[in-house]
N, C-alpha and C. Protein backbone atom coordinates (compact mmCIF):
# COMPACT_ATOMS: atom_id res chain seq x y z
N MET A 1 16.96 -9.32 18.40
CA MET A 1 15.57 -9.68 18.24
C MET A 1 14.70 -8.44 18.10
N LEU A 2 15.01 -7.40 18.90
CA LEU A 2 14.23 -6.16 18.84
C LEU A 2 14.35 -5.48 17.47
N ILE A 3 15.54 -5.54 16.90
CA ILE A 3 15.75 -4.93 15.58
C ILE A 3 14.93 -5.66 14.53
N LEU A 4 14.93 -6.98 14.57
CA LEU A 4 14.15 -7.76 13.61
C LEU A 4 12.66 -7.47 13.76
N GLU A 5 12.20 -7.36 14.99
CA GLU A 5 10.80 -7.05 15.23
C GLU A 5 10.45 -5.67 14.66
N ALA A 6 11.32 -4.70 14.87
CA ALA A 6 11.09 -3.36 14.35
C ALA A 6 11.07 -3.36 12.83
N LEU A 7 11.99 -4.09 12.22
CA LEU A 7 12.02 -4.18 10.76
C LEU A 7 10.76 -4.84 10.20
N CYS A 8 10.28 -5.83 10.87
CA CYS A 8 9.04 -6.49 10.44
C CYS A 8 7.86 -5.54 10.53
N ARG A 9 7.81 -4.75 11.59
CA ARG A 9 6.72 -3.78 11.73
C ARG A 9 6.80 -2.70 10.65
N ILE A 10 8.02 -2.27 10.33
CA ILE A 10 8.20 -1.27 9.26
C ILE A 10 7.78 -1.86 7.92
N GLU A 11 8.17 -3.09 7.67
CA GLU A 11 7.80 -3.75 6.42
C GLU A 11 6.28 -3.85 6.29
N THR A 12 5.63 -4.23 7.37
CA THR A 12 4.17 -4.34 7.36
C THR A 12 3.53 -2.98 7.09
N MET A 13 4.06 -1.94 7.74
CA MET A 13 3.55 -0.59 7.52
C MET A 13 3.71 -0.19 6.07
N LEU A 14 4.89 -0.44 5.49
CA LEU A 14 5.14 -0.07 4.10
C LEU A 14 4.19 -0.79 3.15
N HIS A 15 3.95 -2.06 3.41
CA HIS A 15 3.05 -2.81 2.54
C HIS A 15 1.60 -2.38 2.70
N GLY A 16 1.29 -1.73 3.82
CA GLY A 16 -0.05 -1.23 4.04
C GLY A 16 -0.32 0.11 3.37
N LEU A 17 0.74 0.75 2.90
CA LEU A 17 0.58 2.03 2.22
C LEU A 17 0.18 1.82 0.76
N PRO A 18 -0.53 2.79 0.18
CA PRO A 18 -0.75 2.72 -1.27
C PRO A 18 0.59 2.71 -2.00
N VAL A 19 0.66 2.05 -3.12
CA VAL A 19 1.92 1.87 -3.84
C VAL A 19 2.59 3.22 -4.12
N ARG A 20 1.84 4.18 -4.61
CA ARG A 20 2.43 5.48 -4.94
C ARG A 20 3.02 6.14 -3.69
N THR A 21 2.31 6.07 -2.59
CA THR A 21 2.79 6.65 -1.33
C THR A 21 4.07 5.96 -0.89
N ARG A 22 4.07 4.64 -0.95
CA ARG A 22 5.26 3.88 -0.56
C ARG A 22 6.45 4.23 -1.43
N ASP A 23 6.24 4.32 -2.74
CA ASP A 23 7.34 4.65 -3.65
C ASP A 23 7.91 6.03 -3.37
N ILE A 24 7.04 6.99 -3.14
CA ILE A 24 7.48 8.35 -2.85
C ILE A 24 8.24 8.38 -1.52
N PHE A 25 7.71 7.72 -0.52
CA PHE A 25 8.36 7.66 0.79
C PHE A 25 9.76 7.05 0.68
N LEU A 26 9.88 5.97 -0.07
CA LEU A 26 11.18 5.32 -0.22
C LEU A 26 12.17 6.17 -1.01
N LEU A 27 11.69 6.91 -2.00
CA LEU A 27 12.57 7.81 -2.74
C LEU A 27 13.16 8.87 -1.80
N ALA A 28 12.34 9.34 -0.88
CA ALA A 28 12.81 10.36 0.06
C ALA A 28 13.72 9.76 1.13
N GLN A 29 13.30 8.65 1.70
CA GLN A 29 14.01 8.11 2.85
C GLN A 29 15.22 7.25 2.49
N LEU A 30 15.14 6.48 1.44
CA LEU A 30 16.26 5.60 1.08
C LEU A 30 17.19 6.23 0.04
N ASP A 31 16.59 6.90 -0.94
CA ASP A 31 17.41 7.50 -1.99
C ASP A 31 17.86 8.91 -1.64
N GLY A 32 17.24 9.49 -0.62
CA GLY A 32 17.65 10.82 -0.16
C GLY A 32 17.24 11.95 -1.08
N LEU A 33 16.23 11.72 -1.92
CA LEU A 33 15.79 12.77 -2.83
C LEU A 33 14.97 13.81 -2.07
N THR A 34 15.05 15.05 -2.53
CA THR A 34 14.21 16.10 -1.97
C THR A 34 12.81 15.96 -2.56
N TYR A 35 11.87 16.62 -1.93
CA TYR A 35 10.50 16.57 -2.45
C TYR A 35 10.45 17.11 -3.88
N ARG A 36 11.19 18.17 -4.16
CA ARG A 36 11.24 18.74 -5.51
C ARG A 36 11.80 17.73 -6.49
N GLN A 37 12.86 17.03 -6.12
CA GLN A 37 13.44 16.02 -7.01
C GLN A 37 12.46 14.89 -7.27
N ILE A 38 11.73 14.49 -6.24
CA ILE A 38 10.73 13.43 -6.41
C ILE A 38 9.63 13.91 -7.35
N ALA A 39 9.19 15.15 -7.16
CA ALA A 39 8.15 15.71 -8.03
C ALA A 39 8.63 15.72 -9.48
N ASP A 40 9.85 16.16 -9.71
CA ASP A 40 10.40 16.20 -11.06
C ASP A 40 10.52 14.80 -11.66
N GLN A 41 10.95 13.86 -10.84
CA GLN A 41 11.16 12.48 -11.32
C GLN A 41 9.84 11.77 -11.61
N THR A 42 8.83 12.01 -10.77
CA THR A 42 7.57 11.29 -10.93
C THR A 42 6.55 12.02 -11.79
N GLY A 43 6.74 13.33 -11.95
CA GLY A 43 5.78 14.11 -12.71
C GLY A 43 4.59 14.57 -11.89
N PHE A 44 4.61 14.32 -10.59
CA PHE A 44 3.54 14.78 -9.70
C PHE A 44 3.88 16.17 -9.19
N SER A 45 2.86 16.89 -8.76
CA SER A 45 3.09 18.22 -8.22
C SER A 45 3.77 18.11 -6.85
N LEU A 46 4.40 19.18 -6.45
CA LEU A 46 5.07 19.23 -5.15
C LEU A 46 4.06 19.02 -4.02
N ILE A 47 2.88 19.60 -4.13
CA ILE A 47 1.87 19.43 -3.08
C ILE A 47 1.42 17.97 -2.99
N THR A 48 1.36 17.28 -4.11
CA THR A 48 1.00 15.86 -4.09
C THR A 48 2.07 15.05 -3.36
N ILE A 49 3.33 15.37 -3.63
CA ILE A 49 4.43 14.68 -2.94
C ILE A 49 4.32 14.91 -1.44
N LYS A 50 4.06 16.13 -1.04
CA LYS A 50 3.94 16.45 0.38
C LYS A 50 2.78 15.70 1.02
N ARG A 51 1.67 15.57 0.32
CA ARG A 51 0.52 14.83 0.86
C ARG A 51 0.85 13.36 1.06
N HIS A 52 1.54 12.77 0.09
CA HIS A 52 1.94 11.36 0.22
C HIS A 52 2.92 11.18 1.37
N MET A 53 3.84 12.11 1.51
CA MET A 53 4.80 12.01 2.61
C MET A 53 4.10 12.16 3.95
N ARG A 54 3.14 13.04 4.04
CA ARG A 54 2.39 13.19 5.29
C ARG A 54 1.67 11.88 5.64
N THR A 55 1.07 11.26 4.65
CA THR A 55 0.40 9.97 4.87
C THR A 55 1.38 8.93 5.37
N ALA A 56 2.56 8.88 4.78
CA ALA A 56 3.57 7.90 5.18
C ALA A 56 4.08 8.18 6.60
N PHE A 57 4.30 9.45 6.92
CA PHE A 57 4.79 9.79 8.24
C PHE A 57 3.73 9.48 9.32
N VAL A 58 2.48 9.70 9.01
CA VAL A 58 1.41 9.34 9.95
C VAL A 58 1.42 7.82 10.18
N ALA A 59 1.61 7.06 9.11
CA ALA A 59 1.69 5.60 9.25
C ALA A 59 2.87 5.21 10.13
N CYS A 60 3.99 5.92 9.99
CA CYS A 60 5.16 5.65 10.84
C CYS A 60 4.84 5.93 12.31
N LEU A 61 4.13 7.01 12.55
CA LEU A 61 3.77 7.34 13.94
C LEU A 61 2.85 6.30 14.56
N MET A 62 2.08 5.64 13.73
CA MET A 62 1.13 4.64 14.22
C MET A 62 1.81 3.30 14.53
N LEU A 63 3.09 3.18 14.22
CA LEU A 63 3.81 1.93 14.47
C LEU A 63 3.89 1.59 15.96
N ASP A 64 3.93 2.59 16.78
CA ASP A 64 4.12 2.35 18.21
C ASP A 64 2.91 1.85 18.89
């Protein structure tokens, strides 16, 4: 039950992120891409990728 609750909270957090931020976060966390690989794949600058990841990580910290 605890695992399902945690997954639901993560899903809610992900849906609360801007689409671009969510996509970048998932590329890093699920696909295992580096920030440089994500930048190359998406065409965004490395600093933009880092900003989106920071936003996503802050959202993760707010889950508790």
